[in-house]
Amino acid sequence: MDKKKLLALSKRERQIMDVIYSLGEATAAQVVEHLPEDVGDASVRKLIRVVEKKGLLRHRREGHSYIYTPTVPRDEASVVAMQHTLKTFFQDSAPRAVAALMDLAKDTLTEEDIAEINALIAKAETGGEER
C-alpha cells in the first residue's frame, strides 16, 4: 500500500474516498448524494478520475454507470487514517486519542465494550501475547 497516496488527498478527494469506503462501492451519483456539501456532479466526476489516476480507486462498468471501489482495503486505509489523526490532532499520543474516544463514548459504553477495551489493554501490556 502506498501510504503517501492516501495522505496526499485533498479535502474533497478524502470526502469522496470516505463515501466510497462507507458504501463499499458507489457510482458518481451516489458519491454526490452522500457528500456533506452540495458539489456539482461534473466536479465530483473529475475528482473521482483524479483519485483513480492516483491508484486509489478502480471502476467497472454496469450498464451506463461506472461503479467505483477502493484499491486499498478498508483495514489498511483505517490504519493510515488513524496515524494521520494521531499526528494531526493528538501529537502522536495514543493515550490522548483514547481519552477523546472514551469521552465521546462515555454514555454509550456497554459492559461488553468495557471488557473488550480491558482485554485490549491487557494484550498491549503483554506485547500482544494472550493471557
N, C-alpha and C. Protein backbone atom coordinates (compact mmCIF):
# COMPACT_ATOMS: atom_id res chain seq x y z
N MET A 1 0.85 -1.18 0.00
CA MET A 1 0.00 0.00 0.00
C MET A 1 0.89 1.23 0.00
N ASP A 2 0.51 2.23 -0.77
CA ASP A 2 1.25 3.48 -0.80
C ASP A 2 0.60 4.48 0.15
N LYS A 3 1.14 4.53 1.36
CA LYS A 3 0.62 5.40 2.42
C LYS A 3 0.63 6.86 1.96
N LYS A 4 1.65 7.25 1.22
CA LYS A 4 1.77 8.64 0.78
C LYS A 4 0.59 9.06 -0.10
N LYS A 5 0.11 8.14 -0.94
CA LYS A 5 -1.03 8.46 -1.80
C LYS A 5 -2.27 8.76 -0.98
N LEU A 6 -2.51 7.97 0.06
CA LEU A 6 -3.67 8.20 0.91
C LEU A 6 -3.56 9.51 1.67
N LEU A 7 -2.35 9.85 2.10
CA LEU A 7 -2.16 11.08 2.87
C LEU A 7 -2.16 12.32 1.98
N ALA A 8 -1.91 12.14 0.69
CA ALA A 8 -1.80 13.28 -0.22
C ALA A 8 -3.13 13.71 -0.84
N LEU A 9 -4.23 13.20 -0.35
CA LEU A 9 -5.52 13.56 -0.91
C LEU A 9 -5.96 14.94 -0.43
N SER A 10 -6.63 15.66 -1.32
CA SER A 10 -7.23 16.93 -0.92
C SER A 10 -8.44 16.65 -0.03
N LYS A 11 -8.98 17.68 0.58
CA LYS A 11 -10.15 17.51 1.45
C LYS A 11 -11.30 16.85 0.67
N ARG A 12 -11.60 17.33 -0.51
CA ARG A 12 -12.72 16.80 -1.29
C ARG A 12 -12.42 15.37 -1.75
N GLU A 13 -11.17 15.09 -2.15
CA GLU A 13 -10.81 13.73 -2.55
C GLU A 13 -10.98 12.77 -1.36
N ARG A 14 -10.60 13.23 -0.18
CA ARG A 14 -10.76 12.40 1.03
C ARG A 14 -12.23 12.15 1.31
N GLN A 15 -13.07 13.18 1.12
CA GLN A 15 -14.51 13.01 1.32
C GLN A 15 -15.08 11.99 0.35
N ILE A 16 -14.62 12.04 -0.88
CA ILE A 16 -15.07 11.07 -1.89
C ILE A 16 -14.68 9.66 -1.46
N MET A 17 -13.43 9.49 -1.03
CA MET A 17 -12.99 8.18 -0.57
C MET A 17 -13.79 7.74 0.65
N ASP A 18 -14.09 8.65 1.57
CA ASP A 18 -14.88 8.32 2.75
C ASP A 18 -16.25 7.76 2.35
N VAL A 19 -16.88 8.42 1.38
CA VAL A 19 -18.20 7.96 0.92
C VAL A 19 -18.09 6.57 0.32
N ILE A 20 -17.10 6.36 -0.53
CA ILE A 20 -16.97 5.06 -1.20
C ILE A 20 -16.63 3.98 -0.18
N TYR A 21 -15.77 4.27 0.79
CA TYR A 21 -15.49 3.29 1.83
C TYR A 21 -16.75 2.98 2.64
N SER A 22 -17.52 4.00 2.98
CA SER A 22 -18.71 3.75 3.81
C SER A 22 -19.77 2.95 3.05
N LEU A 23 -19.87 3.14 1.74
CA LEU A 23 -20.84 2.39 0.94
C LEU A 23 -20.28 1.06 0.42
N GLY A 24 -18.96 0.92 0.43
CA GLY A 24 -18.33 -0.28 -0.10
C GLY A 24 -17.98 -0.14 -1.57
N GLU A 25 -18.88 0.46 -2.31
CA GLU A 25 -18.70 0.80 -3.72
C GLU A 25 -19.77 1.83 -4.04
N ALA A 26 -19.53 2.62 -5.10
CA ALA A 26 -20.50 3.67 -5.39
C ALA A 26 -20.35 4.19 -6.81
N THR A 27 -21.46 4.67 -7.33
CA THR A 27 -21.43 5.41 -8.59
C THR A 27 -21.10 6.87 -8.25
N ALA A 28 -20.77 7.65 -9.26
CA ALA A 28 -20.51 9.07 -9.04
C ALA A 28 -21.75 9.76 -8.47
N ALA A 29 -22.92 9.38 -8.97
CA ALA A 29 -24.16 9.99 -8.47
C ALA A 29 -24.36 9.69 -6.99
N GLN A 30 -24.04 8.48 -6.55
CA GLN A 30 -24.15 8.14 -5.13
C GLN A 30 -23.16 8.95 -4.29
N VAL A 31 -21.97 9.15 -4.83
CA VAL A 31 -20.98 9.96 -4.12
C VAL A 31 -21.51 11.38 -3.93
N VAL A 32 -22.02 11.97 -5.01
CA VAL A 32 -22.58 13.33 -4.94
C VAL A 32 -23.67 13.39 -3.87
N GLU A 33 -24.53 12.41 -3.87
CA GLU A 33 -25.66 12.35 -2.93
C GLU A 33 -25.21 12.28 -1.47
N HIS A 34 -24.07 11.65 -1.21
CA HIS A 34 -23.62 11.44 0.16
C HIS A 34 -22.57 12.43 0.65
N LEU A 35 -22.11 13.33 -0.21
CA LEU A 35 -21.13 14.32 0.24
C LEU A 35 -21.78 15.31 1.20
N PRO A 36 -21.01 15.83 2.16
CA PRO A 36 -21.60 16.71 3.17
C PRO A 36 -22.07 18.07 2.64
N GLU A 37 -21.51 18.54 1.55
CA GLU A 37 -21.94 19.81 0.96
C GLU A 37 -22.41 19.57 -0.47
N ASP A 38 -23.16 20.54 -0.98
CA ASP A 38 -23.56 20.46 -2.38
C ASP A 38 -22.34 20.69 -3.27
N VAL A 39 -22.11 19.74 -4.15
CA VAL A 39 -20.99 19.81 -5.09
C VAL A 39 -21.53 19.42 -6.45
N GLY A 40 -21.08 20.10 -7.46
CA GLY A 40 -21.52 19.79 -8.81
C GLY A 40 -21.12 18.39 -9.24
N ASP A 41 -22.02 17.75 -9.95
CA ASP A 41 -21.80 16.40 -10.44
C ASP A 41 -20.52 16.31 -11.28
N ALA A 42 -20.32 17.29 -12.17
CA ALA A 42 -19.13 17.27 -13.04
C ALA A 42 -17.85 17.38 -12.22
N SER A 43 -17.87 18.20 -11.17
CA SER A 43 -16.69 18.35 -10.31
C SER A 43 -16.35 17.04 -9.60
N VAL A 44 -17.37 16.37 -9.11
CA VAL A 44 -17.15 15.10 -8.41
C VAL A 44 -16.61 14.06 -9.39
N ARG A 45 -17.19 13.99 -10.56
CA ARG A 45 -16.71 13.01 -11.56
C ARG A 45 -15.24 13.27 -11.92
N LYS A 46 -14.88 14.53 -12.05
CA LYS A 46 -13.48 14.88 -12.36
C LYS A 46 -12.56 14.45 -11.22
N LEU A 47 -12.97 14.72 -9.99
CA LEU A 47 -12.14 14.34 -8.85
C LEU A 47 -12.05 12.82 -8.68
N ILE A 48 -13.12 12.12 -8.99
CA ILE A 48 -13.07 10.65 -8.95
C ILE A 48 -12.03 10.15 -9.94
N ARG A 49 -11.99 10.74 -11.13
CA ARG A 49 -10.97 10.33 -12.12
C ARG A 49 -9.57 10.63 -11.60
N VAL A 50 -9.39 11.77 -10.91
CA VAL A 50 -8.09 12.12 -10.34
C VAL A 50 -7.67 11.07 -9.31
N VAL A 51 -8.60 10.72 -8.43
CA VAL A 51 -8.30 9.72 -7.39
C VAL A 51 -8.02 8.36 -8.04
N GLU A 52 -8.73 8.06 -9.10
CA GLU A 52 -8.48 6.80 -9.82
C GLU A 52 -7.08 6.81 -10.44
N LYS A 53 -6.68 7.94 -11.01
CA LYS A 53 -5.33 8.04 -11.59
C LYS A 53 -4.25 7.92 -10.52
N LYS A 54 -4.57 8.32 -9.30
CA LYS A 54 -3.63 8.17 -8.19
C LYS A 54 -3.53 6.71 -7.74
N GLY A 55 -4.40 5.87 -8.28
CA GLY A 55 -4.35 4.44 -7.98
C GLY A 55 -5.15 4.02 -6.76
N LEU A 56 -6.01 4.89 -6.25
CA LEU A 56 -6.76 4.57 -5.04
C LEU A 56 -8.17 4.07 -5.32
N LEU A 57 -8.63 4.21 -6.55
CA LEU A 57 -9.94 3.71 -6.96
C LEU A 57 -9.79 2.92 -8.25
N ARG A 58 -10.71 2.01 -8.47
CA ARG A 58 -10.85 1.33 -9.76
C ARG A 58 -12.34 1.31 -10.07
N HIS A 59 -12.67 1.05 -11.33
CA HIS A 59 -14.08 1.02 -11.68
C HIS A 59 -14.39 -0.18 -12.56
N ARG A 60 -15.67 -0.50 -12.57
CA ARG A 60 -16.19 -1.48 -13.51
C ARG A 60 -17.47 -0.86 -14.08
N ARG A 61 -17.81 -1.29 -15.24
CA ARG A 61 -19.00 -0.75 -15.90
C ARG A 61 -20.18 -1.67 -15.67
N GLU A 62 -21.31 -1.09 -15.27
CA GLU A 62 -22.57 -1.81 -15.16
C GLU A 62 -23.62 -0.99 -15.89
N GLY A 63 -24.04 -1.47 -17.04
CA GLY A 63 -24.99 -0.70 -17.85
C GLY A 63 -24.36 0.59 -18.29
N HIS A 64 -24.99 1.70 -17.95
CA HIS A 64 -24.47 3.02 -18.33
C HIS A 64 -23.66 3.65 -17.20
N SER A 65 -23.47 2.95 -16.10
CA SER A 65 -22.80 3.52 -14.94
C SER A 65 -21.44 2.88 -14.69
N TYR A 66 -20.56 3.68 -14.09
CA TYR A 66 -19.30 3.16 -13.57
C TYR A 66 -19.48 2.99 -12.07
N ILE A 67 -19.06 1.84 -11.57
CA ILE A 67 -19.10 1.54 -10.14
C ILE A 67 -17.66 1.61 -9.64
N TYR A 68 -17.42 2.48 -8.66
CA TYR A 68 -16.08 2.69 -8.14
C TYR A 68 -15.89 1.94 -6.83
N THR A 69 -14.71 1.32 -6.70
CA THR A 69 -14.33 0.63 -5.47
C THR A 69 -12.91 1.03 -5.10
N PRO A 70 -12.61 1.06 -3.81
CA PRO A 70 -11.24 1.40 -3.37
C PRO A 70 -10.27 0.28 -3.72
N THR A 71 -9.04 0.65 -4.01
CA THR A 71 -8.00 -0.35 -4.27
C THR A 71 -7.26 -0.73 -2.99
N VAL A 72 -7.37 0.11 -1.97
CA VAL A 72 -6.73 -0.16 -0.68
C VAL A 72 -7.80 -0.70 0.26
N PRO A 73 -7.58 -1.88 0.83
CA PRO A 73 -8.58 -2.43 1.75
C PRO A 73 -8.88 -1.47 2.91
N ARG A 74 -10.10 -1.51 3.37
CA ARG A 74 -10.56 -0.61 4.43
C ARG A 74 -9.67 -0.68 5.67
N ASP A 75 -9.26 -1.89 6.08
CA ASP A 75 -8.46 -2.01 7.30
C ASP A 75 -7.10 -1.34 7.15
N GLU A 76 -6.50 -1.41 5.97
CA GLU A 76 -5.22 -0.73 5.73
C GLU A 76 -5.41 0.78 5.70
N ALA A 77 -6.47 1.23 5.06
CA ALA A 77 -6.75 2.67 4.98
C ALA A 77 -7.06 3.22 6.36
N SER A 78 -7.73 2.43 7.20
CA SER A 78 -8.07 2.92 8.54
C SER A 78 -6.82 3.12 9.39
N VAL A 79 -5.82 2.27 9.20
CA VAL A 79 -4.56 2.43 9.94
C VAL A 79 -3.88 3.74 9.53
N VAL A 80 -3.84 4.01 8.23
CA VAL A 80 -3.24 5.25 7.75
C VAL A 80 -4.02 6.46 8.27
N ALA A 81 -5.34 6.36 8.23
CA ALA A 81 -6.17 7.47 8.71
C ALA A 81 -5.94 7.71 10.20
N MET A 82 -5.82 6.63 10.98
CA MET A 82 -5.59 6.78 12.41
C MET A 82 -4.21 7.38 12.68
N GLN A 83 -3.21 6.94 11.93
CA GLN A 83 -1.87 7.52 12.08
C GLN A 83 -1.91 9.02 11.80
N HIS A 84 -2.61 9.39 10.74
CA HIS A 84 -2.73 10.81 10.37
C HIS A 84 -3.47 11.58 11.48
N THR A 85 -4.55 11.01 12.00
CA THR A 85 -5.32 11.66 13.06
C THR A 85 -4.49 11.80 14.33
N LEU A 86 -3.75 10.76 14.71
CA LEU A 86 -2.89 10.83 15.89
C LEU A 86 -1.87 11.95 15.75
N LYS A 87 -1.24 12.02 14.59
CA LYS A 87 -0.21 13.03 14.37
C LYS A 87 -0.80 14.43 14.33
N THR A 88 -1.92 14.58 13.63
CA THR A 88 -2.51 15.90 13.41
C THR A 88 -3.18 16.47 14.65
N PHE A 89 -3.93 15.64 15.37
CA PHE A 89 -4.77 16.16 16.45
C PHE A 89 -4.33 15.78 17.86
N PHE A 90 -3.49 14.76 18.00
CA PHE A 90 -3.15 14.26 19.33
C PHE A 90 -1.65 14.20 19.59
N GLN A 91 -0.85 14.93 18.81
CA GLN A 91 0.60 14.97 18.99
C GLN A 91 1.21 13.58 19.10
N ASP A 92 0.73 12.67 18.27
CA ASP A 92 1.21 11.27 18.25
C ASP A 92 1.01 10.56 19.58
N SER A 93 0.02 10.96 20.34
CA SER A 93 -0.23 10.38 21.65
C SER A 93 -1.47 9.48 21.62
N ALA A 94 -1.24 8.18 21.70
CA ALA A 94 -2.36 7.24 21.76
C ALA A 94 -3.22 7.47 23.01
N PRO A 95 -2.62 7.73 24.18
CA PRO A 95 -3.46 7.99 25.35
C PRO A 95 -4.40 9.19 25.17
N ARG A 96 -3.93 10.24 24.53
CA ARG A 96 -4.80 11.40 24.28
C ARG A 96 -5.95 11.02 23.35
N ALA A 97 -5.65 10.24 22.33
CA ALA A 97 -6.70 9.83 21.39
C ALA A 97 -7.71 8.92 22.09
N VAL A 98 -7.22 7.98 22.89
CA VAL A 98 -8.11 7.09 23.62
C VAL A 98 -8.99 7.89 24.59
N ALA A 99 -8.39 8.87 25.26
CA ALA A 99 -9.17 9.71 26.19
C ALA A 99 -10.29 10.43 25.45
N ALA A 100 -10.00 10.94 24.26
CA ALA A 100 -11.03 11.63 23.47
C ALA A 100 -12.14 10.65 23.07
N LEU A 101 -11.76 9.46 22.64
CA LEU A 101 -12.76 8.45 22.27
C LEU A 101 -13.61 8.03 23.47
N MET A 102 -12.96 7.86 24.60
CA MET A 102 -13.69 7.47 25.81
C MET A 102 -14.67 8.56 26.22
N ASP A 103 -14.25 9.81 26.08
CA ASP A 103 -15.14 10.92 26.42
C ASP A 103 -16.36 10.94 25.49
N LEU A 104 -16.13 10.69 24.21
CA LEU A 104 -17.24 10.65 23.24
C LEU A 104 -18.21 9.51 23.53
N ALA A 105 -17.66 8.38 23.97
CA ALA A 105 -18.49 7.17 24.13
C ALA A 105 -18.96 6.94 25.56
N LYS A 106 -18.66 7.85 26.47
CA LYS A 106 -18.92 7.60 27.89
C LYS A 106 -20.37 7.24 28.21
N ASP A 107 -21.31 7.77 27.46
CA ASP A 107 -22.72 7.48 27.75
C ASP A 107 -23.26 6.25 27.02
N THR A 108 -22.44 5.66 26.14
CA THR A 108 -22.94 4.54 25.35
C THR A 108 -22.15 3.25 25.53
N LEU A 109 -21.08 3.29 26.34
CA LEU A 109 -20.27 2.08 26.54
C LEU A 109 -21.06 1.03 27.33
N THR A 110 -21.06 -0.17 26.80
CA THR A 110 -21.71 -1.29 27.50
C THR A 110 -20.66 -2.03 28.32
N GLU A 111 -21.11 -2.94 29.16
CA GLU A 111 -20.18 -3.77 29.92
C GLU A 111 -19.31 -4.59 28.98
N GLU A 112 -19.89 -5.04 27.87
CA GLU A 112 -19.12 -5.81 26.87
C GLU A 112 -18.04 -4.94 26.24
N ASP A 113 -18.38 -3.68 25.95
CA ASP A 113 -17.39 -2.76 25.39
C ASP A 113 -16.23 -2.57 26.35
N ILE A 114 -16.55 -2.36 27.61
CA ILE A 114 -15.52 -2.15 28.63
C ILE A 114 -14.65 -3.39 28.78
N ALA A 115 -15.26 -4.56 28.75
CA ALA A 115 -14.49 -5.81 28.82
C ALA A 115 -13.56 -5.94 27.62
N GLU A 116 -14.05 -5.58 26.45
CA GLU A 116 -13.21 -5.65 25.24
C GLU A 116 -12.04 -4.68 25.33
N ILE A 117 -12.31 -3.47 25.82
CA ILE A 117 -11.24 -2.47 25.98
C ILE A 117 -10.21 -2.97 26.99
N ASN A 118 -10.68 -3.53 28.10
CA ASN A 118 -9.76 -4.07 29.10
C ASN A 118 -8.91 -5.20 28.53
N ALA A 119 -9.50 -6.04 27.68
CA ALA A 119 -8.75 -7.12 27.04
C ALA A 119 -7.69 -6.56 26.10
N LEU A 120 -8.01 -5.51 25.40
CA LEU A 120 -7.03 -4.87 24.51
C LEU A 120 -5.88 -4.26 25.32
N ILE A 121 -6.19 -3.66 26.44
CA ILE A 121 -5.15 -3.10 27.31
C ILE A 121 -4.25 -4.22 27.83
N ALA A 122 -4.86 -5.31 28.29
CA ALA A 122 -4.08 -6.44 28.79
C ALA A 122 -3.17 -7.00 27.70
N LYS A 123 -3.69 -7.09 26.50
CA LYS A 123 -2.90 -7.60 25.38
C LYS A 123 -1.73 -6.66 25.09
N ALA A 124 -1.96 -5.35 25.16
CA ALA A 124 -0.89 -4.37 24.93
C ALA A 124 0.18 -4.47 26.02
N GLU A 125 -0.24 -4.73 27.24
CA GLU A 125 0.71 -4.84 28.36
C GLU A 125 1.63 -6.03 28.21
N THR A 126 1.16 -7.08 27.56
CA THR A 126 1.98 -8.30 27.40
C THR A 126 2.66 -8.36 26.03
N GLY A 127 2.59 -7.26 25.29
CA GLY A 127 3.22 -7.24 23.98
C GLY A 127 2.49 -8.04 22.94
N GLY A 128 1.18 -8.17 23.10
CA GLY A 128 0.37 -8.87 22.11
C GLY A 128 0.12 -10.31 22.41
N GLU A 129 0.72 -10.84 23.49
CA GLU A 129 0.51 -12.24 23.85
C GLU A 129 -0.80 -12.40 24.61
N GLU A 130 -1.48 -13.50 24.36
CA GLU A 130 -2.72 -13.81 25.07
C GLU A 130 -2.39 -14.22 26.50
N ARG A 131 -3.26 -13.85 27.42
CA ARG A 131 -3.07 -14.26 28.82
C ARG A 131 -3.85 -15.50 29.10
